[in-house]
Amino acid sequence: MASSLRDSVSYALLDAAKQQQFLNAFDNTGFKSSDKLILAYKPKRGTYAVFQGEVTEEETERFVSSVLNGDVQFTKTKQKPSVK
C-alpha cells in the first residue's frame, strides 16, 4: 500500500554541454557546460533533484537509494522539460 502512494521518479544521465535546451527547464545555474549529471524527476509534481558528483556506478546507486529513501530535497522546475 505504501508504494502506491509514492510518486514515480524518472532518472536521466545528462551531458550539460549537449543538452542545454532540456536543462533550461531546471534551475541550472550550478551546471557547468562540461558537467555530467544525474537528474531525478517527478513528472507528476514537476520537481527534480540533481547529482553532480563523479558519475560512477557506486555514486549513481547511492543517489538513487537516497532519492527512494526520501533523503534528497526536490526543487520545482521552471517549466515542463522537453526534448526537441
C-alpha atoms as a PDB file:
ATOM      1  CA  MET A   1       0.000   0.000   0.000  1.00  0.00           C
ATOM      2  CA  ALA A   2       2.780   2.469   0.842  1.00  0.00           C
ATOM      3  CA  SER A   3       4.413   2.067  -2.563  1.00  0.00           C
ATOM      4  CA  SER A   4       1.164   3.085  -4.288  1.00  0.00           C
ATOM      5  CA  LEU A   5       1.350   6.441  -2.503  1.00  0.00           C
ATOM      6  CA  ARG A   6       4.771   7.301  -3.914  1.00  0.00           C
ATOM      7  CA  ASP A   7       5.231   9.459  -6.976  1.00  0.00           C
ATOM      8  CA  SER A   8       7.026   7.897  -9.900  1.00  0.00           C
ATOM      9  CA  VAL A   9      10.570   9.105 -10.426  1.00  0.00           C
ATOM     10  CA  SER A  10      12.383   9.175 -13.762  1.00  0.00           C
ATOM     11  CA  TYR A  11      16.170   9.244 -13.940  1.00  0.00           C
ATOM     12  CA  ALA A  12      18.449  10.547 -16.674  1.00  0.00           C
ATOM     13  CA  LEU A  13      22.196  10.810 -17.186  1.00  0.00           C
ATOM     14  CA  LEU A  14      22.822  14.121 -18.919  1.00  0.00           C
ATOM     15  CA  ASP A  15      25.722  15.931 -20.529  1.00  0.00           C
ATOM     16  CA  ALA A  16      25.046  19.566 -19.679  1.00  0.00           C
ATOM     17  CA  ALA A  17      27.054  20.762 -22.685  1.00  0.00           C
ATOM     18  CA  LYS A  18      24.922  18.799 -25.150  1.00  0.00           C
ATOM     19  CA  GLN A  19      21.504  19.095 -23.515  1.00  0.00           C
ATOM     20  CA  GLN A  20      21.290  22.766 -22.590  1.00  0.00           C
ATOM     21  CA  GLN A  21      17.807  23.213 -24.051  1.00  0.00           C
ATOM     22  CA  PHE A  22      16.431  20.363 -21.937  1.00  0.00           C
ATOM     23  CA  LEU A  23      18.192  21.721 -18.843  1.00  0.00           C
ATOM     24  CA  ASN A  24      16.604  25.153 -19.326  1.00  0.00           C
ATOM     25  CA  ALA A  25      13.510  23.774 -17.549  1.00  0.00           C
ATOM     26  CA  PHE A  26      15.581  23.483 -14.385  1.00  0.00           C
ATOM     27  CA  ASP A  27      17.469  25.998 -12.272  1.00  0.00           C
ATOM     28  CA  ASN A  28      20.740  25.145 -13.973  1.00  0.00           C
ATOM     29  CA  THR A  29      22.864  27.951 -12.561  1.00  0.00           C
ATOM     30  CA  GLY A  30      25.177  25.391 -10.956  1.00  0.00           C
ATOM     31  CA  PHE A  31      25.627  23.271 -14.074  1.00  0.00           C
ATOM     32  CA  LYS A  32      28.903  23.759 -15.889  1.00  0.00           C
ATOM     33  CA  SER A  33      28.878  23.206 -19.633  1.00  0.00           C
ATOM     34  CA  SER A  34      31.035  20.088 -19.316  1.00  0.00           C
ATOM     35  CA  ASP A  35      29.188  18.557 -16.362  1.00  0.00           C
ATOM     36  CA  LYS A  36      27.815  15.058 -16.489  1.00  0.00           C
ATOM     37  CA  LEU A  37      24.928  14.911 -14.082  1.00  0.00           C
ATOM     38  CA  ILE A  38      22.182  12.577 -12.967  1.00  0.00           C
ATOM     39  CA  LEU A  39      18.695  14.013 -12.823  1.00  0.00           C
ATOM     40  CA  ALA A  40      15.817  12.565 -10.800  1.00  0.00           C
ATOM     41  CA  TYR A  41      12.485  13.980 -11.992  1.00  0.00           C
ATOM     42  CA  LYS A  42       8.984  13.607 -10.574  1.00  0.00           C
ATOM     43  CA  PRO A  43       6.748  14.497 -13.531  1.00  0.00           C
ATOM     44  CA  LYS A  44       3.503  14.473 -11.533  1.00  0.00           C
ATOM     45  CA  ARG A  45       4.812  17.105  -9.123  1.00  0.00           C
ATOM     46  CA  GLY A  46       7.121  18.898 -11.566  1.00  0.00           C
ATOM     47  CA  THR A  47      10.082  18.602  -9.205  1.00  0.00           C
ATOM     48  CA  TYR A  48      13.656  17.437  -9.642  1.00  0.00           C
ATOM     49  CA  ALA A  49      16.904  16.666  -7.852  1.00  0.00           C
ATOM     50  CA  VAL A  50      20.385  16.645  -9.356  1.00  0.00           C
ATOM     51  CA  PHE A  51      23.515  14.676  -8.512  1.00  0.00           C
ATOM     52  CA  GLN A  52      26.596  16.465  -9.840  1.00  0.00           C
ATOM     53  CA  GLY A  53      29.394  14.449  -8.289  1.00  0.00           C
ATOM     54  CA  GLU A  54      31.601  11.964 -10.059  1.00  0.00           C
ATOM     55  CA  VAL A  55      29.261   9.723 -12.055  1.00  0.00           C
ATOM     56  CA  THR A  56      30.302   6.205 -11.108  1.00  0.00           C
ATOM     57  CA  GLU A  57      28.198   3.099 -10.628  1.00  0.00           C
ATOM     58  CA  GLU A  58      28.568   3.361  -6.838  1.00  0.00           C
ATOM     59  CA  GLU A  59      27.661   7.058  -6.685  1.00  0.00           C
ATOM     60  CA  THR A  60      24.704   6.543  -9.013  1.00  0.00           C
ATOM     61  CA  GLU A  61      23.387   3.720  -6.822  1.00  0.00           C
ATOM     62  CA  ARG A  62      23.870   5.890  -3.730  1.00  0.00           C
ATOM     63  CA  PHE A  63      21.963   8.793  -5.321  1.00  0.00           C
ATOM     64  CA  VAL A  64      19.066   6.584  -6.463  1.00  0.00           C
ATOM     65  CA  SER A  65      18.872   4.993  -2.994  1.00  0.00           C
ATOM     66  CA  SER A  66      18.840   8.436  -1.375  1.00  0.00           C
ATOM     67  CA  VAL A  67      16.012   9.540  -3.660  1.00  0.00           C
ATOM     68  CA  LEU A  68      13.991   6.400  -2.930  1.00  0.00           C
ATOM     69  CA  ASN A  69      14.569   6.789   0.823  1.00  0.00           C
ATOM     70  CA  GLY A  70      13.373  10.405   0.743  1.00  0.00           C
ATOM     71  CA  ASP A  71      16.772  11.796   1.748  1.00  0.00           C
ATOM     72  CA  VAL A  72      17.047  14.125  -1.264  1.00  0.00           C
ATOM     73  CA  GLN A  73      15.425  17.563  -1.498  1.00  0.00           C
ATOM     74  CA  PHE A  74      13.488  18.125  -4.735  1.00  0.00           C
ATOM     75  CA  THR A  75      13.108  21.549  -6.359  1.00  0.00           C
ATOM     76  CA  LYS A  76      10.265  22.845  -8.528  1.00  0.00           C
ATOM     77  CA  THR A  77      11.053  23.113 -12.259  1.00  0.00           C
ATOM     78  CA  LYS A  78      10.823  26.468 -14.043  1.00  0.00           C
ATOM     79  CA  GLN A  79       8.819  24.840 -16.845  1.00  0.00           C
ATOM     80  CA  LYS A  80       7.991  21.376 -18.128  1.00  0.00           C
ATOM     81  CA  PRO A  81      11.169  19.874 -19.636  1.00  0.00           C
ATOM     82  CA  SER A  82      11.027  18.862 -23.281  1.00  0.00           C
ATOM     83  CA  VAL A  83      13.355  17.390 -25.858  1.00  0.00           C
ATOM     84  CA  LYS A  84      13.295  18.948 -29.315  1.00  0.00           C
END
